[in-house]
Amino acid sequence: MSYSYSGRREFGFARKQPVEVDKEYEAKIEDISRRGDGIAKIEGFIIFVPNTKQGEHVKFKITRVGNRFAIGELVQA
């Protein structure tokens, strides 16, 4: 296993995220965040998709990828 140092005072496992910026994906909105954004998951990785409702199957484009989650933009409901 490989470890990465995030620049902070904690260590974590280095892991490639299952989504990439500017690529489109489809998934079901499984839940709604406290801020009202839809939550989808790809390979267990959380993607927040604004303007969606729980239960919808949507197509979205990734606009930002972080270490623990990504942000998507609705393409098609």
Protein backbone atom coordinates (compact mmCIF):
# COMPACT_ATOMS: atom_id res chain seq x y z
CA MET A 1 0.00 0.00 0.00
CA SER A 2 1.09 3.52 -0.61
CA TYR A 3 0.59 6.49 1.68
CA SER A 4 0.28 10.12 0.76
CA TYR A 5 0.91 13.19 2.84
CA SER A 6 -1.77 15.82 2.36
CA GLY A 7 0.29 18.72 3.70
CA ARG A 8 -1.69 18.67 6.92
CA ARG A 9 -0.76 16.79 10.06
CA GLU A 10 -2.51 13.58 9.11
CA PHE A 11 -1.68 10.70 6.82
CA GLY A 12 -4.10 8.93 4.49
CA PHE A 13 -4.14 6.25 1.88
CA ALA A 14 -3.40 7.41 -1.65
CA ARG A 15 -6.40 6.54 -3.79
CA LYS A 16 -7.44 7.41 -7.30
CA GLN A 17 -10.93 8.89 -7.42
CA PRO A 18 -13.43 6.98 -9.62
CA VAL A 19 -14.58 10.19 -11.38
CA GLU A 20 -12.77 12.85 -13.42
CA VAL A 21 -13.44 16.55 -14.05
CA ASP A 22 -15.37 17.31 -17.30
CA LYS A 23 -16.53 13.71 -17.76
CA GLU A 24 -20.20 12.74 -17.74
CA TYR A 25 -21.71 10.02 -15.56
CA GLU A 26 -25.16 8.62 -14.80
CA ALA A 27 -26.41 7.60 -11.38
CA LYS A 28 -29.43 7.54 -9.12
CA ILE A 29 -29.78 10.33 -6.55
CA GLU A 30 -29.75 8.33 -3.32
CA ASP A 31 -30.19 11.09 -0.75
CA ILE A 32 -30.35 14.86 -0.24
CA SER A 33 -27.63 16.83 1.58
CA ARG A 34 -28.30 19.32 4.38
CA ARG A 35 -27.81 22.08 1.78
CA GLY A 36 -30.43 20.52 -0.53
CA ASP A 37 -28.09 19.05 -3.15
CA GLY A 38 -28.71 15.54 -4.45
CA ILE A 39 -26.21 12.86 -3.43
CA ALA A 40 -25.15 10.24 -5.95
CA LYS A 41 -22.45 7.61 -5.53
CA ILE A 42 -20.07 6.05 -8.03
CA GLU A 43 -18.08 3.14 -6.64
CA GLY A 44 -18.98 4.43 -3.17
CA PHE A 45 -17.54 7.89 -3.92
CA ILE A 46 -19.96 10.73 -3.08
CA ILE A 47 -20.99 13.25 -5.74
CA PHE A 48 -23.14 16.27 -4.87
CA VAL A 49 -25.46 17.24 -7.73
CA PRO A 50 -27.49 20.47 -7.21
CA ASN A 51 -31.06 20.81 -8.57
CA THR A 52 -31.90 17.11 -8.28
CA LYS A 53 -34.40 15.12 -6.21
CA GLN A 54 -34.04 11.86 -4.35
CA GLY A 55 -34.92 8.86 -6.53
CA GLU A 56 -34.14 10.56 -9.86
CA HIS A 57 -31.81 8.85 -12.32
CA VAL A 58 -29.70 11.67 -13.73
CA LYS A 59 -26.81 12.40 -16.04
CA PHE A 60 -24.24 14.87 -14.71
CA LYS A 61 -20.84 16.33 -15.54
CA ILE A 62 -18.16 16.53 -12.85
CA THR A 63 -17.00 20.11 -12.22
CA ARG A 64 -14.75 19.54 -9.20
CA VAL A 65 -13.10 16.52 -7.55
CA GLY A 66 -11.84 16.55 -3.98
CA ASN A 67 -10.32 13.88 -1.77
CA ARG A 68 -13.62 12.83 -0.20
CA PHE A 69 -16.29 13.98 -2.65
CA ALA A 70 -16.97 15.55 -6.05
CA ILE A 71 -19.36 18.22 -7.34
CA GLY A 72 -21.42 17.59 -10.45
CA GLU A 73 -23.57 19.72 -12.74
CA LEU A 74 -26.90 18.35 -13.98
CA VAL A 75 -26.87 17.53 -17.71
CA GLN A 76 -30.09 15.57 -18.02
CA ALA A 77 -32.74 14.28 -15.61
